[in-house]
């Protein structure tokens, strides 16, 4: 896992028994902003910097697991479109990058 994210891992637990695994020091290392994490209202509450991956994190289990086919489809749709970030007026702006 550390090889994939390029350092110490940080699990960010999403709903649906899924963990997003990223580099714990991604922001400190100035890794490229990758995706915004949004709350149920669609507002960004954090930005994942650097490479990440998703895995199952069942509440009754002490290790990560594979995603179910339903989870794969849900998160494939959620993270499919790349995002671009930049600072404007003291805020971070995030826009999806349309791809062909």
C-alpha atoms as a PDB file:
ATOM      1  CA  UNK A   1       0.000   0.000   0.000  1.00  0.00           C
ATOM      2  CA  UNK A   2       2.807   2.420   0.844  1.00  0.00           C
ATOM      3  CA  UNK A   3       4.394   1.818  -2.565  1.00  0.00           C
ATOM      4  CA  UNK A   4       1.162   2.746  -4.334  1.00  0.00           C
ATOM      5  CA  UNK A   5       0.668   6.058  -2.496  1.00  0.00           C
ATOM      6  CA  UNK A   6       4.369   6.886  -2.191  1.00  0.00           C
ATOM      7  CA  UNK A   7       4.653   7.013   1.594  1.00  0.00           C
ATOM      8  CA  UNK A   8       2.808   6.424   4.823  1.00  0.00           C
ATOM      9  CA  UNK A   9      -0.819   5.515   4.287  1.00  0.00           C
ATOM     10  CA  UNK A  10      -3.805   7.446   5.565  1.00  0.00           C
ATOM     11  CA  UNK A  11      -7.217   5.806   5.392  1.00  0.00           C
ATOM     12  CA  UNK A  12     -10.132   8.193   4.924  1.00  0.00           C
ATOM     13  CA  UNK A  13     -13.316   6.337   5.699  1.00  0.00           C
ATOM     14  CA  UNK A  14     -16.118   7.063   3.271  1.00  0.00           C
ATOM     15  CA  UNK A  15     -19.685   5.951   3.752  1.00  0.00           C
ATOM     16  CA  UNK A  16     -20.679   2.513   2.541  1.00  0.00           C
ATOM     17  CA  UNK A  17     -17.824   0.677   4.339  1.00  0.00           C
ATOM     18  CA  UNK A  18     -15.203   2.005   1.941  1.00  0.00           C
ATOM     19  CA  UNK A  19     -11.805   3.526   2.717  1.00  0.00           C
ATOM     20  CA  UNK A  20      -9.880   5.870   0.473  1.00  0.00           C
ATOM     21  CA  UNK A  21      -6.169   5.185   1.001  1.00  0.00           C
ATOM     22  CA  UNK A  22      -3.803   8.080   0.275  1.00  0.00           C
ATOM     23  CA  UNK A  23      -0.404   9.417   1.334  1.00  0.00           C
ATOM     24  CA  UNK A  24      -0.595  10.697   4.916  1.00  0.00           C
ATOM     25  CA  UNK A  25       1.776  13.569   4.064  1.00  0.00           C
ATOM     26  CA  UNK A  26       0.502  14.261   0.547  1.00  0.00           C
ATOM     27  CA  UNK A  27      -0.309  17.912   1.229  1.00  0.00           C
ATOM     28  CA  UNK A  28       2.922  18.515   3.171  1.00  0.00           C
ATOM     29  CA  UNK A  29       4.880  16.983   0.267  1.00  0.00           C
ATOM     30  CA  UNK A  30       3.061  19.283  -2.180  1.00  0.00           C
ATOM     31  CA  UNK A  31       1.696  16.332  -4.142  1.00  0.00           C
ATOM     32  CA  UNK A  32      -0.711  17.311  -6.896  1.00  0.00           C
ATOM     33  CA  UNK A  33      -4.304  17.901  -5.830  1.00  0.00           C
ATOM     34  CA  UNK A  34      -6.216  14.918  -7.183  1.00  0.00           C
ATOM     35  CA  UNK A  35      -9.884  14.854  -6.125  1.00  0.00           C
ATOM     36  CA  UNK A  36     -12.204  16.768  -3.851  1.00  0.00           C
ATOM     37  CA  UNK A  37     -14.051  14.890  -1.142  1.00  0.00           C
ATOM     38  CA  UNK A  38     -17.620  16.112  -0.806  1.00  0.00           C
ATOM     39  CA  UNK A  39     -20.252  15.936   1.919  1.00  0.00           C
ATOM     40  CA  UNK A  40     -23.867  14.923   1.287  1.00  0.00           C
ATOM     41  CA  UNK A  41     -24.620  18.489   0.104  1.00  0.00           C
ATOM     42  CA  UNK A  42     -21.891  18.308  -2.542  1.00  0.00           C
ATOM     43  CA  UNK A  43     -19.597  20.741  -0.708  1.00  0.00           C
ATOM     44  CA  UNK A  44     -15.874  19.959  -0.664  1.00  0.00           C
ATOM     45  CA  UNK A  45     -14.610  19.227   2.842  1.00  0.00           C
ATOM     46  CA  UNK A  46     -11.117  18.010   1.896  1.00  0.00           C
ATOM     47  CA  UNK A  47      -8.853  17.483  -1.097  1.00  0.00           C
ATOM     48  CA  UNK A  48      -6.884  14.297  -1.702  1.00  0.00           C
ATOM     49  CA  UNK A  49      -3.356  15.048  -2.919  1.00  0.00           C
ATOM     50  CA  UNK A  50      -1.377  12.446  -4.821  1.00  0.00           C
ATOM     51  CA  UNK A  51      -2.242   8.900  -5.789  1.00  0.00           C
ATOM     52  CA  UNK A  52      -5.020   7.113  -3.937  1.00  0.00           C
ATOM     53  CA  UNK A  53      -7.018   3.918  -4.141  1.00  0.00           C
ATOM     54  CA  UNK A  54     -10.236   2.601  -2.659  1.00  0.00           C
ATOM     55  CA  UNK A  55     -10.836  -0.607  -0.747  1.00  0.00           C
ATOM     56  CA  UNK A  56     -13.470  -2.198   1.415  1.00  0.00           C
ATOM     57  CA  UNK A  57     -13.393  -1.394   5.139  1.00  0.00           C
ATOM     58  CA  UNK A  58     -16.112  -3.452   6.800  1.00  0.00           C
ATOM     59  CA  UNK A  59     -16.861  -2.247  10.344  1.00  0.00           C
ATOM     60  CA  UNK A  60     -16.629  -5.792  11.740  1.00  0.00           C
ATOM     61  CA  UNK A  61     -13.235  -6.516  10.181  1.00  0.00           C
ATOM     62  CA  UNK A  62      -9.685  -5.514  11.184  1.00  0.00           C
ATOM     63  CA  UNK A  63      -8.306  -5.461   7.628  1.00  0.00           C
ATOM     64  CA  UNK A  64      -9.162  -3.993   4.247  1.00  0.00           C
ATOM     65  CA  UNK A  65     -11.072  -6.033   1.676  1.00  0.00           C
ATOM     66  CA  UNK A  66     -12.028  -5.930  -1.982  1.00  0.00           C
ATOM     67  CA  UNK A  67     -14.856  -3.668  -3.076  1.00  0.00           C
ATOM     68  CA  UNK A  68     -18.170  -5.217  -4.047  1.00  0.00           C
ATOM     69  CA  UNK A  69     -19.289  -4.817  -7.687  1.00  0.00           C
ATOM     70  CA  UNK A  70     -21.856  -2.239  -6.517  1.00  0.00           C
ATOM     71  CA  UNK A  71     -19.188  -0.219  -4.690  1.00  0.00           C
ATOM     72  CA  UNK A  72     -16.892  -0.380  -7.717  1.00  0.00           C
ATOM     73  CA  UNK A  73     -19.621   1.047  -9.940  1.00  0.00           C
ATOM     74  CA  UNK A  74     -20.596   3.771  -7.458  1.00  0.00           C
ATOM     75  CA  UNK A  75     -17.056   5.022  -6.899  1.00  0.00           C
ATOM     76  CA  UNK A  76     -16.053   4.599 -10.541  1.00  0.00           C
ATOM     77  CA  UNK A  77     -18.779   7.121 -11.375  1.00  0.00           C
ATOM     78  CA  UNK A  78     -17.837   9.401  -8.474  1.00  0.00           C
ATOM     79  CA  UNK A  79     -14.113   9.594  -9.262  1.00  0.00           C
ATOM     80  CA  UNK A  80     -14.203   9.122 -13.052  1.00  0.00           C
ATOM     81  CA  UNK A  81     -13.831  12.772 -14.068  1.00  0.00           C
ATOM     82  CA  UNK A  82     -10.486  14.423 -13.251  1.00  0.00           C
ATOM     83  CA  UNK A  83     -10.667  17.710 -11.358  1.00  0.00           C
ATOM     84  CA  UNK A  84      -8.605  20.886 -11.566  1.00  0.00           C
ATOM     85  CA  UNK A  85      -7.913  23.055  -8.501  1.00  0.00           C
ATOM     86  CA  UNK A  86      -6.632  26.600  -8.144  1.00  0.00           C
ATOM     87  CA  UNK A  87      -6.702  29.425  -5.618  1.00  0.00           C
ATOM     88  CA  UNK A  88      -8.935  32.442  -6.170  1.00  0.00           C
ATOM     89  CA  UNK A  89      -9.714  35.228  -3.671  1.00  0.00           C
ATOM     90  CA  UNK A  90      -8.418  33.172  -0.740  1.00  0.00           C
ATOM     91  CA  UNK A  91     -10.533  30.147  -1.677  1.00  0.00           C
ATOM     92  CA  UNK A  92      -9.810  26.935  -3.525  1.00  0.00           C
ATOM     93  CA  UNK A  93     -11.835  26.501  -6.701  1.00  0.00           C
ATOM     94  CA  UNK A  94     -12.475  23.044  -8.135  1.00  0.00           C
ATOM     95  CA  UNK A  95     -13.733  22.350 -11.638  1.00  0.00           C
ATOM     96  CA  UNK A  96     -14.203  19.033 -13.412  1.00  0.00           C
ATOM     97  CA  UNK A  97     -12.024  18.480 -16.473  1.00  0.00           C
ATOM     98  CA  UNK A  98     -14.143  17.274 -19.352  1.00  0.00           C
ATOM     99  CA  UNK A  99     -12.544  14.426 -21.244  1.00  0.00           C
ATOM    100  CA  UNK A 100     -13.484  12.880 -24.546  1.00  0.00           C
END
